[in-house]
Amino acid sequence: MASSNLTVEVVSPEKRVWSGEATMVSARTLEGDIGILPDHAPLLGVLVDGTVSIKASDGSSHEFQMSGGFISVSKNRVSVLGESA
């Protein structure tokens, strides 16, 4: 049975930019655009300059302009580590 949420944290070297529960995260990596839903396979990707979009569990949407960094997915936890956000 699929879980309904992802635990997401977006951080830059200076601060935590956003954290919370989400139903979807999309980002642009070196391999192309990816969409992450609950129960996604483990992943470690390199972000390229672009937008990371988050659909929060409360229905709100958040977009962050990222300049490089990494995205990690494991056990419904998504960490977005940006060089700047």
PDB file of N, CA and C in Angstrom:
ATOM      1  N   MET A   1       0.846  -1.187   0.000  1.00  0.00           N
ATOM      2  CA  MET A   1       0.000   0.000   0.000  1.00  0.00           C
ATOM      3  C   MET A   1       0.884   1.240   0.000  1.00  0.00           C
ATOM      4  N   ALA A   2       0.608   2.163  -0.865  1.00  0.00           N
ATOM      5  CA  ALA A   2       1.433   3.364  -0.998  1.00  0.00           C
ATOM      6  C   ALA A   2       1.189   4.331   0.158  1.00  0.00           C
ATOM      7  N   SER A   3       2.268   4.956   0.589  1.00  0.00           N
ATOM      8  CA  SER A   3       2.138   6.018   1.588  1.00  0.00           C
ATOM      9  C   SER A   3       1.582   7.247   0.891  1.00  0.00           C
ATOM     10  N   SER A   4       0.981   8.137   1.673  1.00  0.00           N
ATOM     11  CA  SER A   4       0.346   9.289   1.041  1.00  0.00           C
ATOM     12  C   SER A   4       1.239  10.519   1.014  1.00  0.00           C
ATOM     13  N   ASN A   5       2.360  10.510   1.754  1.00  0.00           N
ATOM     14  CA  ASN A   5       3.182  11.718   1.848  1.00  0.00           C
ATOM     15  C   ASN A   5       4.674  11.433   1.762  1.00  0.00           C
ATOM     16  N   LEU A   6       5.377  12.488   1.384  1.00  0.00           N
ATOM     17  CA  LEU A   6       6.837  12.522   1.427  1.00  0.00           C
ATOM     18  C   LEU A   6       7.235  13.524   2.497  1.00  0.00           C
ATOM     19  N   THR A   7       8.302  13.255   3.200  1.00  0.00           N
ATOM     20  CA  THR A   7       8.877  14.234   4.120  1.00  0.00           C
ATOM     21  C   THR A   7       9.995  14.931   3.346  1.00  0.00           C
ATOM     22  N   VAL A   8       9.860  16.237   3.167  1.00  0.00           N
ATOM     23  CA  VAL A   8      10.761  16.977   2.286  1.00  0.00           C
ATOM     24  C   VAL A   8      11.496  18.061   3.062  1.00  0.00           C
ATOM     25  N   GLU A   9      12.774  18.222   2.726  1.00  0.00           N
ATOM     26  CA  GLU A   9      13.570  19.302   3.293  1.00  0.00           C
ATOM     27  C   GLU A   9      14.398  19.916   2.166  1.00  0.00           C
ATOM     28  N   VAL A  10      14.307  21.235   2.024  1.00  0.00           N
ATOM     29  CA  VAL A  10      15.092  21.978   1.038  1.00  0.00           C
ATOM     30  C   VAL A  10      16.051  22.860   1.827  1.00  0.00           C
ATOM     31  N   VAL A  11      17.352  22.663   1.616  1.00  0.00           N
ATOM     32  CA  VAL A  11      18.349  23.428   2.362  1.00  0.00           C
ATOM     33  C   VAL A  11      19.395  24.010   1.429  1.00  0.00           C
ATOM     34  N   SER A  12      19.961  25.133   1.860  1.00  0.00           N
ATOM     35  CA  SER A  12      21.107  25.753   1.194  1.00  0.00           C
ATOM     36  C   SER A  12      22.200  25.846   2.252  1.00  0.00           C
ATOM     37  N   PRO A  13      23.412  26.215   1.872  1.00  0.00           N
ATOM     38  CA  PRO A  13      24.467  26.341   2.883  1.00  0.00           C
ATOM     39  C   PRO A  13      24.124  27.333   3.986  1.00  0.00           C
ATOM     40  N   GLU A  14      23.284  28.320   3.699  1.00  0.00           N
ATOM     41  CA  GLU A  14      22.967  29.358   4.671  1.00  0.00           C
ATOM     42  C   GLU A  14      21.839  28.986   5.630  1.00  0.00           C
ATOM     43  N   LYS A  15      20.837  28.196   5.145  1.00  0.00           N
ATOM     44  CA  LYS A  15      19.654  27.976   5.980  1.00  0.00           C
ATOM     45  C   LYS A  15      18.788  26.853   5.433  1.00  0.00           C
ATOM     46  N   ARG A  16      17.812  26.438   6.252  1.00  0.00           N
ATOM     47  CA  ARG A  16      16.761  25.545   5.782  1.00  0.00           C
ATOM     48  C   ARG A  16      15.757  26.427   5.060  1.00  0.00           C
ATOM     49  N   VAL A  17      15.508  26.148   3.798  1.00  0.00           N
ATOM     50  CA  VAL A  17      14.634  26.969   2.975  1.00  0.00           C
ATOM     51  C   VAL A  17      13.172  26.577   3.163  1.00  0.00           C
ATOM     52  N   TRP A  18      12.907  25.262   3.217  1.00  0.00           N
ATOM     53  CA  TRP A  18      11.535  24.776   3.405  1.00  0.00           C
ATOM     54  C   TRP A  18      11.596  23.344   3.912  1.00  0.00           C
ATOM     55  N   SER A  19      10.668  22.991   4.771  1.00  0.00           N
ATOM     56  CA  SER A  19      10.532  21.589   5.167  1.00  0.00           C
ATOM     57  C   SER A  19       9.071  21.322   5.471  1.00  0.00           C
ATOM     58  N   GLY A  20       8.654  20.097   5.202  1.00  0.00           N
ATOM     59  CA  GLY A  20       7.269  19.735   5.467  1.00  0.00           C
ATOM     60  C   GLY A  20       6.881  18.467   4.744  1.00  0.00           C
ATOM     61  N   GLU A  21       5.588  18.206   4.750  1.00  0.00           N
ATOM     62  CA  GLU A  21       5.024  17.029   4.090  1.00  0.00           C
ATOM     63  C   GLU A  21       4.558  17.424   2.689  1.00  0.00           C
ATOM     64  N   ALA A  22       4.791  16.535   1.728  1.00  0.00           N
ATOM     65  CA  ALA A  22       4.416  16.823   0.342  1.00  0.00           C
ATOM     66  C   ALA A  22       3.874  15.566  -0.326  1.00  0.00           C
ATOM     67  N   THR A  23       3.144  15.781  -1.407  1.00  0.00           N
ATOM     68  CA  THR A  23       2.629  14.662  -2.193  1.00  0.00           C
ATOM     69  C   THR A  23       3.446  14.442  -3.459  1.00  0.00           C
ATOM     70  N   MET A  24       4.229  15.469  -3.877  1.00  0.00           N
ATOM     71  CA  MET A  24       5.056  15.345  -5.081  1.00  0.00           C
ATOM     72  C   MET A  24       6.174  16.374  -5.056  1.00  0.00           C
ATOM     73  N   VAL A  25       7.316  15.965  -5.590  1.00  0.00           N
ATOM     74  CA  VAL A  25       8.457  16.872  -5.774  1.00  0.00           C
ATOM     75  C   VAL A  25       8.945  16.682  -7.198  1.00  0.00           C
ATOM     76  N   SER A  26       9.211  17.771  -7.899  1.00  0.00           N
ATOM     77  CA  SER A  26       9.811  17.656  -9.231  1.00  0.00           C
ATOM     78  C   SER A  26      11.051  18.540  -9.280  1.00  0.00           C
ATOM     79  N   ALA A  27      12.050  18.053 -10.027  1.00  0.00           N
ATOM     80  CA  ALA A  27      13.329  18.759 -10.105  1.00  0.00           C
ATOM     81  C   ALA A  27      14.009  18.425 -11.420  1.00  0.00           C
ATOM     82  N   ARG A  28      15.004  19.217 -11.763  1.00  0.00           N
ATOM     83  CA  ARG A  28      15.787  18.990 -12.978  1.00  0.00           C
ATOM     84  C   ARG A  28      17.180  18.507 -12.574  1.00  0.00           C
ATOM     85  N   THR A  29      17.554  17.329 -13.078  1.00  0.00           N
ATOM     86  CA  THR A  29      18.870  16.757 -12.789  1.00  0.00           C
ATOM     87  C   THR A  29      19.689  16.684 -14.078  1.00  0.00           C
ATOM     88  N   LEU A  30      20.931  16.243 -13.951  1.00  0.00           N
ATOM     89  CA  LEU A  30      21.782  16.069 -15.133  1.00  0.00           C
ATOM     90  C   LEU A  30      21.157  15.088 -16.128  1.00  0.00           C
ATOM     91  N   GLU A  31      20.386  14.118 -15.617  1.00  0.00           N
ATOM     92  CA  GLU A  31      19.763  13.102 -16.472  1.00  0.00           C
ATOM     93  C   GLU A  31      18.435  13.560 -17.049  1.00  0.00           C
ATOM     94  N   GLY A  32      17.904  14.686 -16.568  1.00  0.00           N
ATOM     95  CA  GLY A  32      16.622  15.194 -17.057  1.00  0.00           C
ATOM     96  C   GLY A  32      15.676  15.509 -15.910  1.00  0.00           C
ATOM     97  N   ASP A  33      14.452  15.872 -16.253  1.00  0.00           N
ATOM     98  CA  ASP A  33      13.451  16.203 -15.244  1.00  0.00           C
ATOM     99  C   ASP A  33      12.962  14.927 -14.560  1.00  0.00           C
ATOM    100  N   ILE A  34      12.764  15.022 -13.243  1.00  0.00           N
ATOM    101  CA  ILE A  34      12.237  13.880 -12.503  1.00  0.00           C
ATOM    102  C   ILE A  34      11.050  14.320 -11.660  1.00  0.00           C
ATOM    103  N   GLY A  35      10.142  13.407 -11.436  1.00  0.00           N
ATOM    104  CA  GLY A  35       9.023  13.617 -10.533  1.00  0.00           C
ATOM    105  C   GLY A  35       9.085  12.543  -9.461  1.00  0.00           C
ATOM    106  N   ILE A  36       8.932  12.932  -8.220  1.00  0.00           N
ATOM    107  CA  ILE A  36       9.034  11.998  -7.102  1.00  0.00           C
ATOM    108  C   ILE A  36       7.694  11.946  -6.386  1.00  0.00           C
ATOM    109  N   LEU A  37       7.158  10.751  -6.289  1.00  0.00           N
ATOM    110  CA  LEU A  37       5.910  10.487  -5.583  1.00  0.00           C
ATOM    111  C   LEU A  37       6.217   9.571  -4.404  1.00  0.00           C
ATOM    112  N   PRO A  38       5.292   9.422  -3.471  1.00  0.00           N
ATOM    113  CA  PRO A  38       5.526   8.490  -2.361  1.00  0.00           C
ATOM    114  C   PRO A  38       5.921   7.101  -2.864  1.00  0.00           C
ATOM    115  N   ASP A  39       6.793   6.440  -2.110  1.00  0.00           N
ATOM    116  CA  ASP A  39       7.326   5.108  -2.412  1.00  0.00           C
ATOM    117  C   ASP A  39       8.230   5.082  -3.645  1.00  0.00           C
ATOM    118  N   HIS A  40       8.824   6.222  -3.991  1.00  0.00           N
ATOM    119  CA  HIS A  40       9.793   6.293  -5.093  1.00  0.00           C
ATOM    120  C   HIS A  40      11.019   5.459  -4.737  1.00  0.00           C
ATOM    121  N   ALA A  41      11.645   4.886  -5.729  1.00  0.00           N
ATOM    122  CA  ALA A  41      12.881   4.124  -5.523  1.00  0.00           C
ATOM    123  C   ALA A  41      13.972   5.052  -4.987  1.00  0.00           C
ATOM    124  N   PRO A  42      14.910   4.528  -4.213  1.00  0.00           N
ATOM    125  CA  PRO A  42      16.024   5.359  -3.731  1.00  0.00           C
ATOM    126  C   PRO A  42      16.762   6.000  -4.906  1.00  0.00           C
ATOM    127  N   LEU A  43      17.203   7.235  -4.693  1.00  0.00           N
ATOM    128  CA  LEU A  43      17.814   8.010  -5.772  1.00  0.00           C
ATOM    129  C   LEU A  43      18.789   9.015  -5.194  1.00  0.00           C
ATOM    130  N   LEU A  44      19.890   9.214  -5.883  1.00  0.00           N
ATOM    131  CA  LEU A  44      20.801  10.321  -5.599  1.00  0.00           C
ATOM    132  C   LEU A  44      21.097  10.969  -6.933  1.00  0.00           C
ATOM    133  N   GLY A  45      20.731  12.253  -7.080  1.00  0.00           N
ATOM    134  CA  GLY A  45      20.912  12.937  -8.351  1.00  0.00           C
ATOM    135  C   GLY A  45      21.600  14.270  -8.184  1.00  0.00           C
ATOM    136  N   VAL A  46      22.231  14.720  -9.261  1.00  0.00           N
ATOM    137  CA  VAL A  46      22.895  16.023  -9.297  1.00  0.00           C
ATOM    138  C   VAL A  46      21.935  17.017  -9.943  1.00  0.00           C
ATOM    139  N   LEU A  47      21.627  18.081  -9.216  1.00  0.00           N
ATOM    140  CA  LEU A  47      20.728  19.111  -9.744  1.00  0.00           C
ATOM    141  C   LEU A  47      21.468  20.050 -10.682  1.00  0.00           C
ATOM    142  N   VAL A  48      20.768  20.506 -11.701  1.00  0.00           N
ATOM    143  CA  VAL A  48      21.270  21.571 -12.556  1.00  0.00           C
ATOM    144  C   VAL A  48      20.461  22.820 -12.232  1.00  0.00           C
ATOM    145  N   ASP A  49      20.895  23.967 -12.731  1.00  0.00           N
ATOM    146  CA  ASP A  49      20.159  25.202 -12.476  1.00  0.00           C
ATOM    147  C   ASP A  49      18.724  25.052 -12.983  1.00  0.00           C
ATOM    148  N   GLY A  50      17.785  25.368 -12.123  1.00  0.00           N
ATOM    149  CA  GLY A  50      16.384  25.247 -12.508  1.00  0.00           C
ATOM    150  C   GLY A  50      15.484  25.312 -11.300  1.00  0.00           C
ATOM    151  N   THR A  51      14.238  24.931 -11.517  1.00  0.00           N
ATOM    152  CA  THR A  51      13.214  25.034 -10.488  1.00  0.00           C
ATOM    153  C   THR A  51      12.952  23.686  -9.831  1.00  0.00           C
ATOM    154  N   VAL A  52      12.869  23.695  -8.515  1.00  0.00           N
ATOM    155  CA  VAL A  52      12.378  22.544  -7.760  1.00  0.00           C
ATOM    156  C   VAL A  52      10.966  22.905  -7.324  1.00  0.00           C
ATOM    157  N   SER A  53      10.006  22.073  -7.695  1.00  0.00           N
ATOM    158  CA  SER A  53       8.604  22.319  -7.364  1.00  0.00           C
ATOM    159  C   SER A  53       8.126  21.297  -6.349  1.00  0.00           C
ATOM    160  N   ILE A  54       7.381  21.781  -5.366  1.00  0.00           N
ATOM    161  CA  ILE A  54       6.856  20.912  -4.315  1.00  0.00           C
ATOM    162  C   ILE A  54       5.361  21.138  -4.208  1.00  0.00           C
ATOM    163  N   LYS A  55       4.603  20.039  -4.241  1.00  0.00           N
ATOM    164  CA  LYS A  55       3.164  20.101  -3.964  1.00  0.00           C
ATOM    165  C   LYS A  55       2.989  19.617  -2.535  1.00  0.00           C
ATOM    166  N   ALA A  56       2.717  20.554  -1.630  1.00  0.00           N
ATOM    167  CA  ALA A  56       2.604  20.235  -0.214  1.00  0.00           C
ATOM    168  C   ALA A  56       1.305  19.485   0.070  1.00  0.00           C
ATOM    169  N   SER A  57       1.310  18.747   1.161  1.00  0.00           N
ATOM    170  CA  SER A  57       0.136  17.955   1.550  1.00  0.00           C
ATOM    171  C   SER A  57      -1.083  18.810   1.827  1.00  0.00           C
ATOM    172  N   ASP A  58      -0.869  20.069   2.209  1.00  0.00           N
ATOM    173  CA  ASP A  58      -2.006  20.955   2.491  1.00  0.00           C
ATOM    174  C   ASP A  58      -2.598  21.577   1.234  1.00  0.00           C
ATOM    175  N   GLY A  59      -2.080  21.193   0.060  1.00  0.00           N
ATOM    176  CA  GLY A  59      -2.607  21.704  -1.201  1.00  0.00           C
ATOM    177  C   GLY A  59      -1.843  22.880  -1.770  1.00  0.00           C
ATOM    178  N   SER A  60      -0.937  23.469  -0.994  1.00  0.00           N
ATOM    179  CA  SER A  60      -0.161  24.603  -1.493  1.00  0.00           C
ATOM    180  C   SER A  60       0.982  24.110  -2.388  1.00  0.00           C
ATOM    181  N   SER A  61       1.484  25.005  -3.225  1.00  0.00           N
ATOM    182  CA  SER A  61       2.612  24.701  -4.105  1.00  0.00           C
ATOM    183  C   SER A  61       3.751  25.651  -3.796  1.00  0.00           C
ATOM    184  N   HIS A  62       4.966  25.133  -3.880  1.00  0.00           N
ATOM    185  CA  HIS A  62       6.158  25.933  -3.608  1.00  0.00           C
ATOM    186  C   HIS A  62       7.159  25.694  -4.735  1.00  0.00           C
ATOM    187  N   GLU A  63       7.795  26.779  -5.191  1.00  0.00           N
ATOM    188  CA  GLU A  63       8.826  26.668  -6.223  1.00  0.00           C
ATOM    189  C   GLU A  63      10.076  27.382  -5.753  1.00  0.00           C
ATOM    190  N   PHE A  64      11.216  26.728  -5.964  1.00  0.00           N
ATOM    191  CA  PHE A  64      12.505  27.281  -5.555  1.00  0.00           C
ATOM    192  C   PHE A  64      13.456  27.241  -6.738  1.00  0.00           C
ATOM    193  N   GLN A  65      14.088  28.373  -7.015  1.00  0.00           N
ATOM    194  CA  GLN A  65      15.117  28.431  -8.050  1.00  0.00           C
ATOM    195  C   GLN A  65      16.421  27.935  -7.436  1.00  0.00           C
ATOM    196  N   MET A  66      16.953  26.866  -7.986  1.00  0.00           N
ATOM    197  CA  MET A  66      18.167  26.267  -7.446  1.00  0.00           C
ATOM    198  C   MET A  66      19.321  26.480  -8.412  1.00  0.00           C
ATOM    199  N   SER A  67      20.494  26.702  -7.847  1.00  0.00           N
ATOM    200  CA  SER A  67      21.729  26.782  -8.636  1.00  0.00           C
ATOM    201  C   SER A  67      22.598  25.607  -8.238  1.00  0.00           C
ATOM    202  N   GLY A  68      22.408  24.497  -8.925  1.00  0.00           N
ATOM    203  CA  GLY A  68      23.184  23.298  -8.639  1.00  0.00           C
ATOM    204  C   GLY A  68      22.825  22.680  -7.304  1.00  0.00           C
ATOM    205  N   GLY A  69      23.449  21.539  -7.034  1.00  0.00           N
ATOM    206  CA  GLY A  69      23.233  20.851  -5.773  1.00  0.00           C
ATOM    207  C   GLY A  69      22.908  19.392  -5.990  1.00  0.00           C
ATOM    208  N   PHE A  70      22.248  18.787  -4.996  1.00  0.00           N
ATOM    209  CA  PHE A  70      21.941  17.363  -5.026  1.00  0.00           C
ATOM    210  C   PHE A  70      20.528  17.116  -4.540  1.00  0.00           C
ATOM    211  N   ILE A  71      19.961  15.995  -4.972  1.00  0.00           N
ATOM    212  CA  ILE A  71      18.672  15.539  -4.456  1.00  0.00           C
ATOM    213  C   ILE A  71      18.837  14.081  -4.038  1.00  0.00           C
ATOM    214  N   SER A  72      18.294  13.764  -2.889  1.00  0.00           N
ATOM    215  CA  SER A  72      18.378  12.417  -2.348  1.00  0.00           C
ATOM    216  C   SER A  72      16.972  11.947  -1.978  1.00  0.00           C
ATOM    217  N   VAL A  73      16.648  10.706  -2.362  1.00  0.00           N
ATOM    218  CA  VAL A  73      15.348  10.125  -2.043  1.00  0.00           C
ATOM    219  C   VAL A  73      15.590   8.766  -1.400  1.00  0.00           C
ATOM    220  N   SER A  74      14.978   8.547  -0.231  1.00  0.00           N
ATOM    221  CA  SER A  74      15.072   7.258   0.441  1.00  0.00           C
ATOM    222  C   SER A  74      13.950   7.138   1.461  1.00  0.00           C
ATOM    223  N   LYS A  75      13.181   6.063   1.377  1.00  0.00           N
ATOM    224  CA  LYS A  75      12.127   5.764   2.354  1.00  0.00           C
ATOM    225  C   LYS A  75      11.174   6.938   2.579  1.00  0.00           C
ATOM    226  N   ASN A  76      10.678   7.521   1.471  1.00  0.00           N
ATOM    227  CA  ASN A  76       9.727   8.633   1.507  1.00  0.00           C
ATOM    228  C   ASN A  76      10.289   9.899   2.125  1.00  0.00           C
ATOM    229  N   ARG A  77      11.607  10.016   2.170  1.00  0.00           N
ATOM    230  CA  ARG A  77      12.273  11.254   2.616  1.00  0.00           C
ATOM    231  C   ARG A  77      13.013  11.827   1.408  1.00  0.00           C
ATOM    232  N   VAL A  78      12.784  13.105   1.153  1.00  0.00           N
ATOM    233  CA  VAL A  78      13.443  13.792   0.038  1.00  0.00           C
ATOM    234  C   VAL A  78      14.250  14.945   0.608  1.00  0.00           C
ATOM    235  N   SER A  79      15.544  14.949   0.298  1.00  0.00           N
ATOM    236  CA  SER A  79      16.415  16.051   0.706  1.00  0.00           C
ATOM    237  C   SER A  79      16.922  16.736  -0.548  1.00  0.00           C
ATOM    238  N   VAL A  80      16.717  18.044  -0.604  1.00  0.00           N
ATOM    239  CA  VAL A  80      17.215  18.850  -1.717  1.00  0.00           C
ATOM    240  C   VAL A  80      18.274  19.779  -1.132  1.00  0.00           C
ATOM    241  N   LEU A  81      19.514  19.585  -1.586  1.00  0.00           N
ATOM    242  CA  LEU A  81      20.644  20.363  -1.072  1.00  0.00           C
ATOM    243  C   LEU A  81      21.146  21.243  -2.199  1.00  0.00           C
ATOM    244  N   GLY A  82      20.801  22.523  -2.144  1.00  0.00           N
ATOM    245  CA  GLY A  82      21.159  23.441  -3.207  1.00  0.00           C
ATOM    246  C   GLY A  82      22.363  24.283  -2.869  1.00  0.00           C
ATOM    247  N   GLU A  83      23.183  24.579  -3.875  1.00  0.00           N
ATOM    248  CA  GLU A  83      24.305  25.494  -3.670  1.00  0.00           C
ATOM    249  C   GLU A  83      23.781  26.872  -3.318  1.00  0.00           C
ATOM    250  N   SER A  84      22.658  27.241  -3.927  1.00  0.00           N
ATOM    251  CA  SER A  84      21.927  28.449  -3.531  1.00  0.00           C
ATOM    252  C   SER A  84      20.476  28.243  -3.901  1.00  0.00           C
ATOM    253  N   ALA A  85      19.601  28.841  -3.099  1.00  0.00           N
ATOM    254  CA  ALA A  85      18.159  28.678  -3.342  1.00  0.00           C
ATOM    255  C   ALA A  85      17.459  29.983  -3.048  1.00  0.00           C
TER     256      ALA A  85
END
